[in-house]
Amino acid sequence: VSIDRHGNEKIIDCIPCVLWSNVAKSAAFLRDGDTVTICGRMQSR
């Protein structure tokens, strides 16, 4: 997910996300450029 940090596209934060099971099935139709709100937790692996 690409976040436009200051609203001027000069600084972009790219955030890796992982989805499992039913949430993943719902995300299978997402495409490049779709705008989304994502909720979850931060994890380390």
PDB file of all heavy atoms in Angstrom:
ATOM      1  N   VAL A   1       0.848  -1.184   0.000  1.00  0.00           N
ATOM      2  CA  VAL A   1       0.000   0.000   0.000  1.00  0.00           C
ATOM      3  C   VAL A   1       0.889   1.242   0.000  1.00  0.00           C
ATOM      4  O   VAL A   1       1.798   1.371   0.829  1.00  0.00           O
ATOM      5  CB  VAL A   1      -0.940   0.029   1.221  1.00  0.00           C
ATOM      6  CG1 VAL A   1      -1.742   1.328   1.258  1.00  0.00           C
ATOM      7  CG2 VAL A   1      -1.882  -1.162   1.184  1.00  0.00           C
ATOM      8  N   SER A   2       0.619   2.137  -0.927  1.00  0.00           N
ATOM      9  CA  SER A   2       1.391   3.366  -1.074  1.00  0.00           C
ATOM     10  C   SER A   2       0.668   4.509  -0.372  1.00  0.00           C
ATOM     11  O   SER A   2      -0.496   4.775  -0.639  1.00  0.00           O
ATOM     12  CB  SER A   2       1.573   3.688  -2.568  1.00  0.00           C
ATOM     13  OG  SER A   2       2.208   4.930  -2.751  1.00  0.00           O
ATOM     14  N   ILE A   3       1.377   5.178   0.568  1.00  0.00           N
ATOM     15  CA  ILE A   3       0.805   6.289   1.320  1.00  0.00           C
ATOM     16  C   ILE A   3       1.503   7.576   0.911  1.00  0.00           C
ATOM     17  O   ILE A   3       2.727   7.698   1.048  1.00  0.00           O
ATOM     18  CB  ILE A   3       0.960   6.075   2.840  1.00  0.00           C
ATOM     19  CG1 ILE A   3       0.286   4.777   3.279  1.00  0.00           C
ATOM     20  CG2 ILE A   3       0.396   7.255   3.616  1.00  0.00           C
ATOM     21  CD1 ILE A   3       0.520   4.444   4.741  1.00  0.00           C
ATOM     22  N   ASP A   4       0.730   8.535   0.411  1.00  0.00           N
ATOM     23  CA  ASP A   4       1.243   9.859   0.066  1.00  0.00           C
ATOM     24  C   ASP A   4       1.391  10.648   1.367  1.00  0.00           C
ATOM     25  O   ASP A   4       0.413  11.167   1.896  1.00  0.00           O
ATOM     26  CB  ASP A   4       0.274  10.528  -0.908  1.00  0.00           C
ATOM     27  CG  ASP A   4       0.740  11.898  -1.342  1.00  0.00           C
ATOM     28  OD1 ASP A   4       1.821  12.321  -0.925  1.00  0.00           O
ATOM     29  OD2 ASP A   4      -0.003  12.557  -2.093  1.00  0.00           O
ATOM     30  N   ARG A   5       2.619  10.745   1.889  1.00  0.00           N
ATOM     31  CA  ARG A   5       2.828  11.223   3.258  1.00  0.00           C
ATOM     32  C   ARG A   5       2.311  12.643   3.492  1.00  0.00           C
ATOM     33  O   ARG A   5       1.669  12.934   4.491  1.00  0.00           O
ATOM     34  CB  ARG A   5       4.309  11.153   3.618  1.00  0.00           C
ATOM     35  CG  ARG A   5       4.583  11.486   5.073  1.00  0.00           C
ATOM     36  CD  ARG A   5       6.062  11.481   5.394  1.00  0.00           C
ATOM     37  NE  ARG A   5       6.679  10.164   5.244  1.00  0.00           N
ATOM     38  CZ  ARG A   5       7.959   9.930   5.515  1.00  0.00           C
ATOM     39  NH1 ARG A   5       8.748  10.926   5.925  1.00  0.00           N
ATOM     40  NH2 ARG A   5       8.449   8.703   5.361  1.00  0.00           N
ATOM     41  N   HIS A   6       2.605  13.556   2.583  1.00  0.00           N
ATOM     42  CA  HIS A   6       2.245  14.956   2.806  1.00  0.00           C
ATOM     43  C   HIS A   6       1.205  15.486   1.811  1.00  0.00           C
ATOM     44  O   HIS A   6       0.952  16.681   1.753  1.00  0.00           O
ATOM     45  CB  HIS A   6       3.490  15.837   2.746  1.00  0.00           C
ATOM     46  CG  HIS A   6       4.502  15.517   3.802  1.00  0.00           C
ATOM     47  ND1 HIS A   6       4.217  15.595   5.147  1.00  0.00           N
ATOM     48  CD2 HIS A   6       5.795  15.097   3.716  1.00  0.00           C
ATOM     49  CE1 HIS A   6       5.294  15.260   5.843  1.00  0.00           C
ATOM     50  NE2 HIS A   6       6.249  14.935   5.005  1.00  0.00           N
ATOM     51  N   GLY A   7       0.623  14.619   1.015  1.00  0.00           N
ATOM     52  CA  GLY A   7      -0.408  15.054   0.081  1.00  0.00           C
ATOM     53  C   GLY A   7       0.107  15.696  -1.180  1.00  0.00           C
ATOM     54  O   GLY A   7      -0.666  16.239  -1.965  1.00  0.00           O
ATOM     55  N   ASN A   8       1.421  15.626  -1.417  1.00  0.00           N
ATOM     56  CA  ASN A   8       1.966  16.249  -2.620  1.00  0.00           C
ATOM     57  C   ASN A   8       2.796  15.283  -3.457  1.00  0.00           C
ATOM     58  O   ASN A   8       3.474  15.692  -4.405  1.00  0.00           O
ATOM     59  CB  ASN A   8       2.836  17.451  -2.249  1.00  0.00           C
ATOM     60  CG  ASN A   8       3.933  17.087  -1.253  1.00  0.00           C
ATOM     61  OD1 ASN A   8       4.235  15.911  -1.059  1.00  0.00           O
ATOM     62  ND2 ASN A   8       4.516  18.095  -0.637  1.00  0.00           N
ATOM     63  N   GLU A   9       2.742  13.993  -3.108  1.00  0.00           N
ATOM     64  CA  GLU A   9       3.402  12.911  -3.841  1.00  0.00           C
ATOM     65  C   GLU A   9       4.919  13.037  -3.867  1.00  0.00           C
ATOM     66  O   GLU A   9       5.584  12.366  -4.647  1.00  0.00           O
ATOM     67  CB  GLU A   9       2.856  12.816  -5.273  1.00  0.00           C
ATOM     68  CG  GLU A   9       1.373  12.477  -5.342  1.00  0.00           C
ATOM     69  CD  GLU A   9       0.889  12.263  -6.755  1.00  0.00           C
ATOM     70  OE1 GLU A   9       1.670  12.514  -7.689  1.00  0.00           O
ATOM     71  OE2 GLU A   9      -0.259  11.832  -6.922  1.00  0.00           O
ATOM     72  N   LYS A  10       5.503  13.902  -3.022  1.00  0.00           N
ATOM     73  CA  LYS A  10       6.951  14.031  -2.982  1.00  0.00           C
ATOM     74  C   LYS A  10       7.583  12.942  -2.113  1.00  0.00           C
ATOM     75  O   LYS A  10       8.718  12.533  -2.342  1.00  0.00           O
ATOM     76  CB  LYS A  10       7.338  15.417  -2.469  1.00  0.00           C
ATOM     77  CG  LYS A  10       7.028  16.537  -3.454  1.00  0.00           C
ATOM     78  CD  LYS A  10       7.538  17.875  -2.944  1.00  0.00           C
ATOM     79  CE  LYS A  10       7.255  18.974  -3.952  1.00  0.00           C
ATOM     80  NZ  LYS A  10       7.746  20.301  -3.487  1.00  0.00           N
ATOM     81  N   ILE A  11       6.852  12.520  -1.081  1.00  0.00           N
ATOM     82  CA  ILE A  11       7.340  11.448  -0.212  1.00  0.00           C
ATOM     83  C   ILE A  11       6.258  10.368  -0.131  1.00  0.00           C
ATOM     84  O   ILE A  11       5.147  10.641   0.307  1.00  0.00           O
ATOM     85  CB  ILE A  11       7.671  11.959   1.198  1.00  0.00           C
ATOM     86  CG1 ILE A  11       8.723  13.069   1.132  1.00  0.00           C
ATOM     87  CG2 ILE A  11       8.174  10.816   2.069  1.00  0.00           C
ATOM     88  CD1 ILE A  11       9.095  13.628   2.481  1.00  0.00           C
ATOM     89  N   ILE A  12       6.600   9.183  -0.575  1.00  0.00           N
ATOM     90  CA  ILE A  12       5.661   8.062  -0.581  1.00  0.00           C
ATOM     91  C   ILE A  12       6.180   6.970   0.349  1.00  0.00           C
ATOM     92  O   ILE A  12       7.334   6.554   0.249  1.00  0.00           O
ATOM     93  CB  ILE A  12       5.488   7.489  -2.007  1.00  0.00           C
ATOM     94  CG1 ILE A  12       4.970   8.568  -2.961  1.00  0.00           C
ATOM     95  CG2 ILE A  12       4.539   6.304  -1.980  1.00  0.00           C
ATOM     96  CD1 ILE A  12       3.597   9.084  -2.639  1.00  0.00           C
ATOM     97  N   ASP A  13       5.328   6.535   1.263  1.00  0.00           N
ATOM     98  CA  ASP A  13       5.654   5.395   2.121  1.00  0.00           C
ATOM     99  C   ASP A  13       5.005   4.150   1.536  1.00  0.00           C
ATOM    100  O   ASP A  13       3.805   4.150   1.232  1.00  0.00           O
ATOM    101  CB  ASP A  13       5.146   5.625   3.540  1.00  0.00           C
ATOM    102  CG  ASP A  13       5.882   6.758   4.243  1.00  0.00           C
ATOM    103  OD1 ASP A  13       7.119   6.691   4.328  1.00  0.00           O
ATOM    104  OD2 ASP A  13       5.216   7.707   4.690  1.00  0.00           O
ATOM    105  N   CYS A  14       5.789   3.093   1.361  1.00  0.00           N
ATOM    106  CA  CYS A  14       5.284   1.826   0.824  1.00  0.00           C
ATOM    107  C   CYS A  14       5.228   0.803   1.955  1.00  0.00           C
ATOM    108  O   CYS A  14       6.260   0.477   2.555  1.00  0.00           O
ATOM    109  CB  CYS A  14       6.169   1.333  -0.300  1.00  0.00           C
ATOM    110  SG  CYS A  14       6.176   2.428  -1.745  1.00  0.00           S
ATOM    111  N   ILE A  15       4.021   0.321   2.240  1.00  0.00           N
ATOM    112  CA  ILE A  15       3.796  -0.537   3.391  1.00  0.00           C
ATOM    113  C   ILE A  15       3.417  -1.949   2.942  1.00  0.00           C
ATOM    114  O   ILE A  15       2.375  -2.137   2.299  1.00  0.00           O
ATOM    115  CB  ILE A  15       2.686   0.032   4.296  1.00  0.00           C
ATOM    116  CG1 ILE A  15       2.940   1.511   4.595  1.00  0.00           C
ATOM    117  CG2 ILE A  15       2.568  -0.789   5.562  1.00  0.00           C
ATOM    118  CD1 ILE A  15       4.247   1.799   5.303  1.00  0.00           C
ATOM    119  N   PRO A  16       4.234  -2.957   3.253  1.00  0.00           N
ATOM    120  CA  PRO A  16       3.884  -4.340   2.901  1.00  0.00           C
ATOM    121  C   PRO A  16       2.790  -4.882   3.813  1.00  0.00           C
ATOM    122  O   PRO A  16       2.804  -4.644   5.027  1.00  0.00           O
ATOM    123  CB  PRO A  16       5.200  -5.097   3.093  1.00  0.00           C
ATOM    124  CG  PRO A  16       5.954  -4.293   4.106  1.00  0.00           C
ATOM    125  CD  PRO A  16       5.555  -2.854   3.892  1.00  0.00           C
ATOM    126  N   CYS A  17       1.850  -5.598   3.227  1.00  0.00           N
ATOM    127  CA  CYS A  17       0.721  -6.159   3.972  1.00  0.00           C
ATOM    128  C   CYS A  17       0.545  -7.625   3.596  1.00  0.00           C
ATOM    129  O   CYS A  17       0.833  -8.030   2.464  1.00  0.00           O
ATOM    130  CB  CYS A  17      -0.577  -5.408   3.654  1.00  0.00           C
ATOM    131  SG  CYS A  17      -0.528  -3.628   3.979  1.00  0.00           S
ATOM    132  N   VAL A  18       0.040  -8.412   4.548  1.00  0.00           N
ATOM    133  CA  VAL A  18      -0.263  -9.815   4.283  1.00  0.00           C
ATOM    134  C   VAL A  18      -1.676 -10.105   4.756  1.00  0.00           C
ATOM    135  O   VAL A  18      -2.095  -9.646   5.822  1.00  0.00           O
ATOM    136  CB  VAL A  18       0.768 -10.749   4.971  1.00  0.00           C
ATOM    137  CG1 VAL A  18       0.793 -10.540   6.468  1.00  0.00           C
ATOM    138  CG2 VAL A  18       0.504 -12.199   4.621  1.00  0.00           C
ATOM    139  N   LEU A  19      -2.439 -10.849   3.935  1.00  0.00           N
ATOM    140  CA  LEU A  19      -3.831 -11.191   4.230  1.00  0.00           C
ATOM    141  C   LEU A  19      -3.987 -12.697   4.126  1.00  0.00           C
ATOM    142  O   LEU A  19      -3.429 -13.328   3.210  1.00  0.00           O
ATOM    143  CB  LEU A  19      -4.791 -10.499   3.259  1.00  0.00           C
ATOM    144  CG  LEU A  19      -4.710  -8.972   3.129  1.00  0.00           C
ATOM    145  CD1 LEU A  19      -3.657  -8.549   2.110  1.00  0.00           C
ATOM    146  CD2 LEU A  19      -6.050  -8.396   2.718  1.00  0.00           C
ATOM    147  N   TRP A  20      -4.776 -13.280   5.045  1.00  0.00           N
ATOM    148  CA  TRP A  20      -4.954 -14.719   5.089  1.00  0.00           C
ATOM    149  C   TRP A  20      -6.434 -15.099   4.987  1.00  0.00           C
ATOM    150  O   TRP A  20      -7.315 -14.304   5.291  1.00  0.00           O
ATOM    151  CB  TRP A  20      -4.404 -15.275   6.409  1.00  0.00           C
ATOM    152  CG  TRP A  20      -2.923 -15.162   6.550  1.00  0.00           C
ATOM    153  CD1 TRP A  20      -2.215 -14.108   7.059  1.00  0.00           C
ATOM    154  CD2 TRP A  20      -1.938 -16.137   6.158  1.00  0.00           C
ATOM    155  NE1 TRP A  20      -0.865 -14.364   7.023  1.00  0.00           N
ATOM    156  CE2 TRP A  20      -0.674 -15.597   6.478  1.00  0.00           C
ATOM    157  CE3 TRP A  20      -2.019 -17.404   5.582  1.00  0.00           C
ATOM    158  CZ2 TRP A  20       0.511 -16.288   6.237  1.00  0.00           C
ATOM    159  CZ3 TRP A  20      -0.846 -18.094   5.348  1.00  0.00           C
ATOM    160  CH2 TRP A  20       0.397 -17.534   5.667  1.00  0.00           C
ATOM    161  N   SER A  21      -6.637 -16.314   4.541  1.00  0.00           N
ATOM    162  CA  SER A  21      -7.958 -16.972   4.574  1.00  0.00           C
ATOM    163  C   SER A  21      -9.045 -16.132   3.909  1.00  0.00           C
ATOM    164  O   SER A  21      -8.875 -15.685   2.780  1.00  0.00           O
ATOM    165  CB  SER A  21      -8.328 -17.320   6.024  1.00  0.00           C
ATOM    166  OG  SER A  21      -7.333 -18.142   6.598  1.00  0.00           O
ATOM    167  N   ASN A  22     -10.166 -15.907   4.600  1.00  0.00           N
ATOM    168  CA  ASN A  22     -11.299 -15.208   3.999  1.00  0.00           C
ATOM    169  C   ASN A  22     -10.981 -13.769   3.640  1.00  0.00           C
ATOM    170  O   ASN A  22     -11.487 -13.233   2.650  1.00  0.00           O
ATOM    171  CB  ASN A  22     -12.503 -15.252   4.944  1.00  0.00           C
ATOM    172  CG  ASN A  22     -13.080 -16.647   5.092  1.00  0.00           C
ATOM    173  OD1 ASN A  22     -12.949 -17.477   4.191  1.00  0.00           O
ATOM    174  ND2 ASN A  22     -13.711 -16.923   6.224  1.00  0.00           N
ATOM    175  N   VAL A  23     -10.135 -13.115   4.448  1.00  0.00           N
ATOM    176  CA  VAL A  23      -9.734 -11.743   4.123  1.00  0.00           C
ATOM    177  C   VAL A  23      -8.931 -11.738   2.824  1.00  0.00           C
ATOM    178  O   VAL A  23      -9.095 -10.860   1.978  1.00  0.00           O
ATOM    179  CB  VAL A  23      -8.908 -11.125   5.260  1.00  0.00           C
ATOM    180  CG1 VAL A  23      -8.531  -9.679   4.940  1.00  0.00           C
ATOM    181  CG2 VAL A  23      -9.678 -11.177   6.573  1.00  0.00           C
ATOM    182  N   ALA A  24      -8.093 -12.749   2.656  1.00  0.00           N
ATOM    183  CA  ALA A  24      -7.301 -12.859   1.429  1.00  0.00           C
ATOM    184  C   ALA A  24      -8.195 -13.101   0.215  1.00  0.00           C
ATOM    185  O   ALA A  24      -7.974 -12.523  -0.858  1.00  0.00           O
ATOM    186  CB  ALA A  24      -6.283 -13.983   1.567  1.00  0.00           C
ATOM    187  N   LYS A  25      -9.206 -13.942   0.368  1.00  0.00           N
ATOM    188  CA  LYS A  25     -10.111 -14.218  -0.746  1.00  0.00           C
ATOM    189  C   LYS A  25     -10.830 -12.952  -1.193  1.00  0.00           C
ATOM    190  O   LYS A  25     -11.051 -12.735  -2.384  1.00  0.00           O
ATOM    191  CB  LYS A  25     -11.114 -15.294  -0.344  1.00  0.00           C
ATOM    192  CG  LYS A  25     -10.491 -16.669  -0.120  1.00  0.00           C
ATOM    193  CD  LYS A  25     -11.517 -17.680   0.366  1.00  0.00           C
ATOM    194  CE  LYS A  25     -10.868 -19.027   0.645  1.00  0.00           C
ATOM    195  NZ  LYS A  25     -11.852 -20.018   1.154  1.00  0.00           N
ATOM    196  N   SER A  26     -11.195 -12.106  -0.235  1.00  0.00           N
ATOM    197  CA  SER A  26     -11.862 -10.850  -0.572  1.00  0.00           C
ATOM    198  C   SER A  26     -10.921  -9.881  -1.278  1.00  0.00           C
ATOM    199  O   SER A  26     -11.373  -9.010  -2.028  1.00  0.00           O
ATOM    200  CB  SER A  26     -12.408 -10.191   0.701  1.00  0.00           C
ATOM    201  OG  SER A  26     -13.337 -11.029   1.352  1.00  0.00           O
ATOM    202  N   ALA A  27      -9.610 -10.028  -1.036  1.00  0.00           N
ATOM    203  CA  ALA A  27      -8.628  -9.109  -1.612  1.00  0.00           C
ATOM    204  C   ALA A  27      -8.139  -9.553  -2.984  1.00  0.00           C
ATOM    205  O   ALA A  27      -7.390  -8.820  -3.629  1.00  0.00           O
ATOM    206  CB  ALA A  27      -7.443  -8.964  -0.669  1.00  0.00           C
ATOM    207  N   ALA A  28      -8.550 -10.726  -3.420  1.00  0.00           N
ATOM    208  CA  ALA A  28      -8.039 -11.262  -4.672  1.00  0.00           C
ATOM    209  C   ALA A  28      -8.408 -10.403  -5.879  1.00  0.00           C
ATOM    210  O   ALA A  28      -7.727 -10.446  -6.911  1.00  0.00           O
ATOM    211  CB  ALA A  28      -8.551 -12.688  -4.878  1.00  0.00           C
ATOM    212  N   PHE A  29      -9.455  -9.597  -5.764  1.00  0.00           N
ATOM    213  CA  PHE A  29      -9.901  -8.775  -6.888  1.00  0.00           C
ATOM    214  C   PHE A  29      -9.261  -7.391  -6.874  1.00  0.00           C
ATOM    215  O   PHE A  29      -9.509  -6.582  -7.765  1.00  0.00           O
ATOM    216  CB  PHE A  29     -11.429  -8.622  -6.864  1.00  0.00           C
ATOM    217  CG  PHE A  29     -11.951  -7.942  -5.626  1.00  0.00           C
ATOM    218  CD1 PHE A  29     -12.000  -6.563  -5.545  1.00  0.00           C
ATOM    219  CD2 PHE A  29     -12.384  -8.698  -4.549  1.00  0.00           C
ATOM    220  CE1 PHE A  29     -12.466  -5.946  -4.402  1.00  0.00           C
ATOM    221  CE2 PHE A  29     -12.860  -8.088  -3.398  1.00  0.00           C
ATOM    222  CZ  PHE A  29     -12.900  -6.701  -3.334  1.00  0.00           C
ATOM    223  N   LEU A  30      -8.461  -7.058  -5.868  1.00  0.00           N
ATOM    224  CA  LEU A  30      -7.826  -5.738  -5.808  1.00  0.00           C
ATOM    225  C   LEU A  30      -6.812  -5.588  -6.942  1.00  0.00           C
ATOM    226  O   LEU A  30      -6.167  -6.552  -7.360  1.00  0.00           O
ATOM    227  CB  LEU A  30      -7.138  -5.544  -4.462  1.00  0.00           C
ATOM    228  CG  LEU A  30      -8.048  -5.427  -3.236  1.00  0.00           C
ATOM    229  CD1 LEU A  30      -7.210  -5.367  -1.963  1.00  0.00           C
ATOM    230  CD2 LEU A  30      -8.944  -4.203  -3.340  1.00  0.00           C
ATOM    231  N   ARG A  31      -6.682  -4.359  -7.427  1.00  0.00           N
ATOM    232  CA  ARG A  31      -5.771  -4.072  -8.529  1.00  0.00           C
ATOM    233  C   ARG A  31      -4.933  -2.845  -8.229  1.00  0.00           C
ATOM    234  O   ARG A  31      -5.258  -2.042  -7.363  1.00  0.00           O
ATOM    235  CB  ARG A  31      -6.558  -3.871  -9.845  1.00  0.00           C
ATOM    236  CG  ARG A  31      -7.318  -5.100 -10.318  1.00  0.00           C
ATOM    237  CD  ARG A  31      -6.373  -6.216 -10.726  1.00  0.00           C
ATOM    238  NE  ARG A  31      -7.063  -7.399 -11.232  1.00  0.00           N
ATOM    239  CZ  ARG A  31      -7.424  -8.427 -10.493  1.00  0.00           C
ATOM    240  NH1 ARG A  31      -7.180  -8.415  -9.184  1.00  0.00           N
ATOM    241  NH2 ARG A  31      -8.034  -9.464 -11.023  1.00  0.00           N
ATOM    242  N   ASP A  32      -3.862  -2.703  -8.989  1.00  0.00           N
ATOM    243  CA  ASP A  32      -2.969  -1.558  -8.852  1.00  0.00           C
ATOM    244  C   ASP A  32      -3.749  -0.249  -8.970  1.00  0.00           C
ATOM    245  O   ASP A  32      -4.523  -0.058  -9.907  1.00  0.00           O
ATOM    246  CB  ASP A  32      -1.899  -1.625  -9.954  1.00  0.00           C
ATOM    247  CG  ASP A  32      -0.965  -0.443  -9.929  1.00  0.00           C
ATOM    248  OD1 ASP A  32      -0.455  -0.107  -8.845  1.00  0.00           O
ATOM    249  OD2 ASP A  32      -0.742   0.165 -10.997  1.00  0.00           O
ATOM    250  N   GLY A  33      -3.562   0.649  -8.005  1.00  0.00           N
ATOM    251  CA  GLY A  33      -4.210   1.955  -8.037  1.00  0.00           C
ATOM    252  C   GLY A  33      -5.501   2.056  -7.261  1.00  0.00           C
ATOM    253  O   GLY A  33      -6.004   3.168  -7.052  1.00  0.00           O
ATOM    254  N   ASP A  34      -6.073   0.937  -6.823  1.00  0.00           N
ATOM    255  CA  ASP A  34      -7.286   0.996  -6.002  1.00  0.00           C
ATOM    256  C   ASP A  34      -6.968   1.671  -4.660  1.00  0.00           C
ATOM    257  O   ASP A  34      -5.936   1.402  -4.040  1.00  0.00           O
ATOM    258  CB  ASP A  34      -7.829  -0.409  -5.735  1.00  0.00           C
ATOM    259  CG  ASP A  34      -8.448  -1.051  -6.966  1.00  0.00           C
ATOM    260  OD1 ASP A  34      -8.712  -0.324  -7.940  1.00  0.00           O
ATOM    261  OD2 ASP A  34      -8.669  -2.278  -6.950  1.00  0.00           O
ATOM    262  N   THR A  35      -7.874   2.543  -4.216  1.00  0.00           N
ATOM    263  CA  THR A  35      -7.701   3.234  -2.936  1.00  0.00           C
ATOM    264  C   THR A  35      -8.412   2.450  -1.842  1.00  0.00           C
ATOM    265  O   THR A  35      -9.580   2.091  -1.981  1.00  0.00           O
ATOM    266  CB  THR A  35      -8.269   4.659  -3.009  1.00  0.00           C
ATOM    267  OG1 THR A  35      -7.619   5.375  -4.066  1.00  0.00           O
ATOM    268  CG2 THR A  35      -8.035   5.403  -1.705  1.00  0.00           C
ATOM    269  N   VAL A  36      -7.690   2.194  -0.743  1.00  0.00           N
ATOM    270  CA  VAL A  36      -8.226   1.331   0.317  1.00  0.00           C
ATOM    271  C   VAL A  36      -7.897   1.900   1.694  1.00  0.00           C
ATOM    272  O   VAL A  36      -6.956   2.674   1.869  1.00  0.00           O
ATOM    273  CB  VAL A  36      -7.657  -0.106   0.219  1.00  0.00           C
ATOM    274  CG1 VAL A  36      -8.095  -0.786  -1.060  1.00  0.00           C
ATOM    275  CG2 VAL A  36      -6.136  -0.085   0.339  1.00  0.00           C
ATOM    276  N   THR A  37      -8.708   1.495   2.664  1.00  0.00           N
ATOM    277  CA  THR A  37      -8.379   1.652   4.074  1.00  0.00           C
ATOM    278  C   THR A  37      -8.131   0.270   4.644  1.00  0.00           C
ATOM    279  O   THR A  37      -8.954  -0.634   4.453  1.00  0.00           O
ATOM    280  CB  THR A  37      -9.508   2.343   4.850  1.00  0.00           C
ATOM    281  OG1 THR A  37      -9.685   3.668   4.350  1.00  0.00           O
ATOM    282  CG2 THR A  37      -9.175   2.427   6.328  1.00  0.00           C
ATOM    283  N   ILE A  38      -7.004   0.091   5.320  1.00  0.00           N
ATOM    284  CA  ILE A  38      -6.624  -1.212   5.851  1.00  0.00           C
ATOM    285  C   ILE A  38      -6.456  -1.120   7.357  1.00  0.00           C
ATOM    286  O   ILE A  38      -5.831  -0.186   7.870  1.00  0.00           O
ATOM    287  CB  ILE A  38      -5.325  -1.705   5.188  1.00  0.00           C
ATOM    288  CG1 ILE A  38      -5.646  -2.251   3.786  1.00  0.00           C
ATOM    289  CG2 ILE A  38      -4.623  -2.763   6.028  1.00  0.00           C
ATOM    290  CD1 ILE A  38      -4.468  -2.763   3.024  1.00  0.00           C
ATOM    291  N   CYS A  39      -7.020  -2.105   8.060  1.00  0.00           N
ATOM    292  CA  CYS A  39      -6.899  -2.180   9.518  1.00  0.00           C
ATOM    293  C   CYS A  39      -6.271  -3.526   9.886  1.00  0.00           C
ATOM    294  O   CYS A  39      -6.602  -4.559   9.290  1.00  0.00           O
ATOM    295  CB  CYS A  39      -8.258  -2.047  10.187  1.00  0.00           C
ATOM    296  SG  CYS A  39      -9.084  -0.465   9.875  1.00  0.00           S
ATOM    297  N   GLY A  40      -5.399  -3.510  10.861  1.00  0.00           N
ATOM    298  CA  GLY A  40      -4.765  -4.751  11.281  1.00  0.00           C
ATOM    299  C   GLY A  40      -3.784  -4.516  12.403  1.00  0.00           C
ATOM    300  O   GLY A  40      -3.938  -3.582  13.193  1.00  0.00           O
ATOM    301  N   ARG A  41      -2.770  -5.361  12.439  1.00  0.00           N
ATOM    302  CA  ARG A  41      -1.735  -5.223  13.457  1.00  0.00           C
ATOM    303  C   ARG A  41      -0.370  -5.334  12.785  1.00  0.00           C
ATOM    304  O   ARG A  41      -0.236  -5.928  11.707  1.00  0.00           O
ATOM    305  CB  ARG A  41      -1.877  -6.295  14.539  1.00  0.00           C
ATOM    306  CG  ARG A  41      -1.699  -7.712  14.037  1.00  0.00           C
ATOM    307  CD  ARG A  41      -1.807  -8.736  15.155  1.00  0.00           C
ATOM    308  NE  ARG A  41      -1.645 -10.094  14.641  1.00  0.00           N
ATOM    309  CZ  ARG A  41      -0.454 -10.673  14.441  1.00  0.00           C
ATOM    310  NH1 ARG A  41       0.653  -9.997  14.716  1.00  0.00           N
ATOM    311  NH2 ARG A  41      -0.378 -11.900  13.971  1.00  0.00           N
ATOM    312  N   MET A  42       0.619  -4.745  13.425  1.00  0.00           N
ATOM    313  CA  MET A  42       1.973  -4.803  12.905  1.00  0.00           C
ATOM    314  C   MET A  42       2.651  -6.051  13.450  1.00  0.00           C
ATOM    315  O   MET A  42       2.581  -6.330  14.653  1.00  0.00           O
ATOM    316  CB  MET A  42       2.739  -3.549  13.311  1.00  0.00           C
ATOM    317  CG  MET A  42       3.917  -3.230  12.433  1.00  0.00           C
ATOM    318  SD  MET A  42       4.452  -1.534  12.714  1.00  0.00           S
ATOM    319  CE  MET A  42       5.914  -1.492  11.681  1.00  0.00           C
ATOM    320  N   GLN A  43       3.265  -6.813  12.582  1.00  0.00           N
ATOM    321  CA  GLN A  43       3.901  -8.042  13.019  1.00  0.00           C
ATOM    322  C   GLN A  43       5.332  -8.120  12.487  1.00  0.00           C
ATOM    323  O   GLN A  43       5.702  -7.434  11.525  1.00  0.00           O
ATOM    324  CB  GLN A  43       3.113  -9.268  12.555  1.00  0.00           C
ATOM    325  CG  GLN A  43       3.186  -9.536  11.065  1.00  0.00           C
ATOM    326  CD  GLN A  43       2.476 -10.827  10.677  1.00  0.00           C
ATOM    327  OE1 GLN A  43       1.684 -11.381  11.434  1.00  0.00           O
ATOM    328  NE2 GLN A  43       2.756 -11.328   9.486  1.00  0.00           N
ATOM    329  N   SER A  44       6.120  -8.945  13.142  1.00  0.00           N
ATOM    330  CA  SER A  44       7.473  -9.226  12.669  1.00  0.00           C
ATOM    331  C   SER A  44       7.567 -10.708  12.350  1.00  0.00           C
ATOM    332  O   SER A  44       6.887 -11.537  12.961  1.00  0.00           O
ATOM    333  CB  SER A  44       8.520  -8.846  13.728  1.00  0.00           C
ATOM    334  OG  SER A  44       8.324  -9.589  14.924  1.00  0.00           O
ATOM    335  N   ARG A  45       8.370 -11.028  11.380  1.00  0.00           N
ATOM    336  CA  ARG A  45       8.628 -12.435  11.054  1.00  0.00           C
ATOM    337  C   ARG A  45      10.084 -12.567  10.629  1.00  0.00           C
ATOM    338  O   ARG A  45      10.694 -11.623  10.111  1.00  0.00           O
ATOM    339  CB  ARG A  45       7.698 -12.940   9.943  1.00  0.00           C
ATOM    340  CG  ARG A  45       7.819 -12.213   8.625  1.00  0.00           C
ATOM    341  CD  ARG A  45       6.896 -12.803   7.573  1.00  0.00           C
ATOM    342  NE  ARG A  45       6.941 -12.042   6.331  1.00  0.00           N
ATOM    343  CZ  ARG A  45       7.843 -12.250   5.365  1.00  0.00           C
ATOM    344  NH1 ARG A  45       8.763 -13.200   5.511  1.00  0.00           N
ATOM    345  NH2 ARG A  45       7.825 -11.525   4.267  1.00  0.00           N
TER     346      ARG A  45
END
